[in-house]
Amino acid sequence: MKTILIQIKDPRVYKLLQDLEELNILEIVKQKEFEKLSEKYAGKLSSDVADEMQEYVKKNREEC
């Protein structure tokens, strides 16, 4: 079984998905809003490591 993420552009589609769920064709999985990666990982690296990574990225971009 695979899980995919879809964006519903028409409210009528949600009713269709609910009907498919009732037929045991699919399952609607509730998902929380996406969190920005910058917010999710804020403060996870020490400032020294972050500075080294920024310098590494800057150096590699200049080489290209």
N, C-alpha and C. Protein backbone atom coordinates (compact mmCIF):
# COMPACT_ATOMS: atom_id res chain seq x y z
N MET A 1 0.85 -1.17 0.00
CA MET A 1 0.00 0.00 0.00
C MET A 1 0.90 1.23 0.00
N LYS A 2 0.55 2.24 -0.78
CA LYS A 2 1.31 3.47 -0.86
C LYS A 2 0.50 4.63 -0.31
N THR A 3 1.18 5.57 0.27
CA THR A 3 0.54 6.79 0.74
C THR A 3 0.99 7.93 -0.16
N ILE A 4 0.03 8.71 -0.63
CA ILE A 4 0.35 9.86 -1.46
C ILE A 4 -0.33 11.09 -0.89
N LEU A 5 0.17 12.23 -1.26
CA LEU A 5 -0.40 13.50 -0.83
C LEU A 5 -1.03 14.15 -2.05
N ILE A 6 -2.27 14.58 -1.92
CA ILE A 6 -2.94 15.27 -3.02
C ILE A 6 -3.46 16.61 -2.52
N GLN A 7 -3.61 17.52 -3.45
CA GLN A 7 -4.20 18.81 -3.13
C GLN A 7 -5.55 18.88 -3.83
N ILE A 8 -6.59 19.09 -3.04
CA ILE A 8 -7.95 19.14 -3.58
C ILE A 8 -8.25 20.55 -4.05
N LYS A 9 -8.62 20.68 -5.32
CA LYS A 9 -8.90 21.99 -5.90
C LYS A 9 -10.39 22.27 -6.01
N ASP A 10 -11.19 21.25 -5.84
CA ASP A 10 -12.63 21.41 -5.94
C ASP A 10 -13.26 20.68 -4.75
N PRO A 11 -14.10 21.35 -3.97
CA PRO A 11 -14.68 20.73 -2.78
C PRO A 11 -15.48 19.46 -3.07
N ARG A 12 -15.98 19.33 -4.28
CA ARG A 12 -16.75 18.13 -4.64
C ARG A 12 -15.88 16.88 -4.63
N VAL A 13 -14.61 17.05 -4.84
CA VAL A 13 -13.69 15.91 -4.88
C VAL A 13 -13.61 15.25 -3.51
N TYR A 14 -13.69 16.03 -2.45
CA TYR A 14 -13.61 15.45 -1.12
C TYR A 14 -14.75 14.47 -0.88
N LYS A 15 -15.93 14.80 -1.34
CA LYS A 15 -17.08 13.89 -1.23
C LYS A 15 -16.80 12.61 -2.01
N LEU A 16 -16.23 12.74 -3.18
CA LEU A 16 -15.87 11.57 -3.98
C LEU A 16 -14.86 10.69 -3.24
N LEU A 17 -13.88 11.31 -2.63
CA LEU A 17 -12.90 10.54 -1.86
C LEU A 17 -13.54 9.84 -0.67
N GLN A 18 -14.48 10.50 -0.03
CA GLN A 18 -15.20 9.87 1.09
C GLN A 18 -16.00 8.66 0.60
N ASP A 19 -16.60 8.78 -0.58
CA ASP A 19 -17.33 7.65 -1.15
C ASP A 19 -16.39 6.47 -1.44
N LEU A 20 -15.21 6.77 -1.95
CA LEU A 20 -14.23 5.71 -2.21
C LEU A 20 -13.74 5.08 -0.92
N GLU A 21 -13.67 5.85 0.13
CA GLU A 21 -13.28 5.31 1.43
C GLU A 21 -14.35 4.35 1.95
N GLU A 22 -15.62 4.70 1.77
CA GLU A 22 -16.71 3.83 2.20
C GLU A 22 -16.70 2.50 1.46
N LEU A 23 -16.19 2.51 0.23
CA LEU A 23 -16.11 1.29 -0.57
C LEU A 23 -14.81 0.51 -0.28
N ASN A 24 -14.05 0.97 0.71
CA ASN A 24 -12.77 0.35 1.08
C ASN A 24 -11.77 0.33 -0.07
N ILE A 25 -11.83 1.34 -0.90
CA ILE A 25 -10.88 1.48 -2.00
C ILE A 25 -9.67 2.28 -1.54
N LEU A 26 -9.90 3.24 -0.67
CA LEU A 26 -8.81 4.04 -0.14
C LEU A 26 -9.14 4.47 1.28
N GLU A 27 -8.15 5.02 1.95
CA GLU A 27 -8.35 5.52 3.31
C GLU A 27 -7.88 6.97 3.35
N ILE A 28 -8.70 7.83 3.89
CA ILE A 28 -8.33 9.23 4.04
C ILE A 28 -7.55 9.35 5.34
N VAL A 29 -6.32 9.84 5.22
CA VAL A 29 -5.45 10.00 6.37
C VAL A 29 -5.34 11.48 6.65
N LYS A 30 -5.73 11.87 7.84
CA LYS A 30 -5.64 13.27 8.22
C LYS A 30 -4.17 13.63 8.44
N GLN A 31 -3.80 14.80 7.98
CA GLN A 31 -2.40 15.21 8.11
C GLN A 31 -2.36 16.65 8.58
N LYS A 32 -1.43 16.92 9.49
CA LYS A 32 -1.29 18.28 9.98
C LYS A 32 -0.64 19.14 8.89
N GLU A 33 -0.75 20.42 9.04
CA GLU A 33 -0.14 21.34 8.09
C GLU A 33 1.36 21.12 8.03
N PHE A 34 1.93 21.37 6.87
CA PHE A 34 3.37 21.22 6.71
C PHE A 34 4.11 22.29 7.48
N GLU A 35 5.17 21.88 8.11
CA GLU A 35 6.02 22.80 8.86
C GLU A 35 7.23 23.13 7.99
N LYS A 36 7.60 24.40 7.95
CA LYS A 36 8.77 24.79 7.17
C LYS A 36 10.00 24.09 7.75
N LEU A 37 10.86 23.63 6.86
CA LEU A 37 12.07 22.95 7.32
C LEU A 37 12.93 23.86 8.17
N SER A 38 12.97 25.16 7.83
CA SER A 38 13.77 26.08 8.62
C SER A 38 13.25 26.17 10.05
N GLU A 39 11.94 26.07 10.23
CA GLU A 39 11.37 26.09 11.57
C GLU A 39 11.57 24.74 12.27
N LYS A 40 11.44 23.67 11.50
CA LYS A 40 11.55 22.34 12.08
C LYS A 40 12.95 22.07 12.63
N TYR A 41 13.96 22.54 11.92
CA TYR A 41 15.33 22.24 12.32
C TYR A 41 16.06 23.42 12.95
N ALA A 42 15.35 24.49 13.26
CA ALA A 42 15.98 25.64 13.89
C ALA A 42 16.61 25.24 15.22
N GLY A 43 17.87 25.61 15.38
CA GLY A 43 18.56 25.32 16.64
C GLY A 43 19.10 23.92 16.77
N LYS A 44 18.99 23.10 15.74
CA LYS A 44 19.46 21.71 15.82
C LYS A 44 20.97 21.60 15.65
N LEU A 45 21.58 22.55 14.93
CA LEU A 45 23.02 22.53 14.73
C LEU A 45 23.66 23.61 15.58
N SER A 46 24.86 23.33 16.02
CA SER A 46 25.58 24.39 16.73
C SER A 46 25.94 25.48 15.73
N SER A 47 26.16 26.67 16.21
CA SER A 47 26.46 27.79 15.30
C SER A 47 27.77 27.54 14.55
N ASP A 48 28.73 26.86 15.18
CA ASP A 48 30.00 26.56 14.51
C ASP A 48 29.78 25.64 13.31
N VAL A 49 29.01 24.59 13.51
CA VAL A 49 28.73 23.64 12.43
C VAL A 49 27.93 24.34 11.33
N ALA A 50 26.96 25.14 11.71
CA ALA A 50 26.15 25.86 10.72
C ALA A 50 27.01 26.81 9.90
N ASP A 51 27.94 27.51 10.55
CA ASP A 51 28.83 28.42 9.83
C ASP A 51 29.73 27.66 8.86
N GLU A 52 30.23 26.50 9.28
CA GLU A 52 31.07 25.67 8.41
C GLU A 52 30.28 25.21 7.19
N MET A 53 29.04 24.81 7.42
CA MET A 53 28.20 24.35 6.30
C MET A 53 27.91 25.49 5.34
N GLN A 54 27.62 26.67 5.86
CA GLN A 54 27.35 27.83 5.00
C GLN A 54 28.58 28.16 4.15
N GLU A 55 29.75 28.11 4.76
CA GLU A 55 30.99 28.39 4.04
C GLU A 55 31.23 27.33 2.96
N TYR A 56 30.96 26.08 3.28
CA TYR A 56 31.11 24.99 2.31
C TYR A 56 30.18 25.20 1.11
N VAL A 57 28.94 25.54 1.37
CA VAL A 57 27.97 25.76 0.29
C VAL A 57 28.40 26.95 -0.56
N LYS A 58 28.81 28.03 0.09
CA LYS A 58 29.24 29.23 -0.63
C LYS A 58 30.43 28.91 -1.55
N LYS A 59 31.39 28.16 -1.01
CA LYS A 59 32.59 27.80 -1.77
C LYS A 59 32.21 26.94 -2.99
N ASN A 60 31.33 25.97 -2.80
CA ASN A 60 30.94 25.10 -3.90
C ASN A 60 30.13 25.84 -4.96
N ARG A 61 29.33 26.79 -4.57
CA ARG A 61 28.58 27.59 -5.55
C ARG A 61 29.51 28.44 -6.39
N GLU A 62 30.58 28.93 -5.82
CA GLU A 62 31.54 29.75 -6.55
C GLU A 62 32.30 28.90 -7.57
N GLU A 63 32.49 27.63 -7.30
CA GLU A 63 33.21 26.74 -8.21
C GLU A 63 32.42 26.40 -9.45
N CYS A 64 31.11 26.45 -9.37
CA CYS A 64 30.26 26.05 -10.51
C CYS A 64 30.19 27.08 -11.56
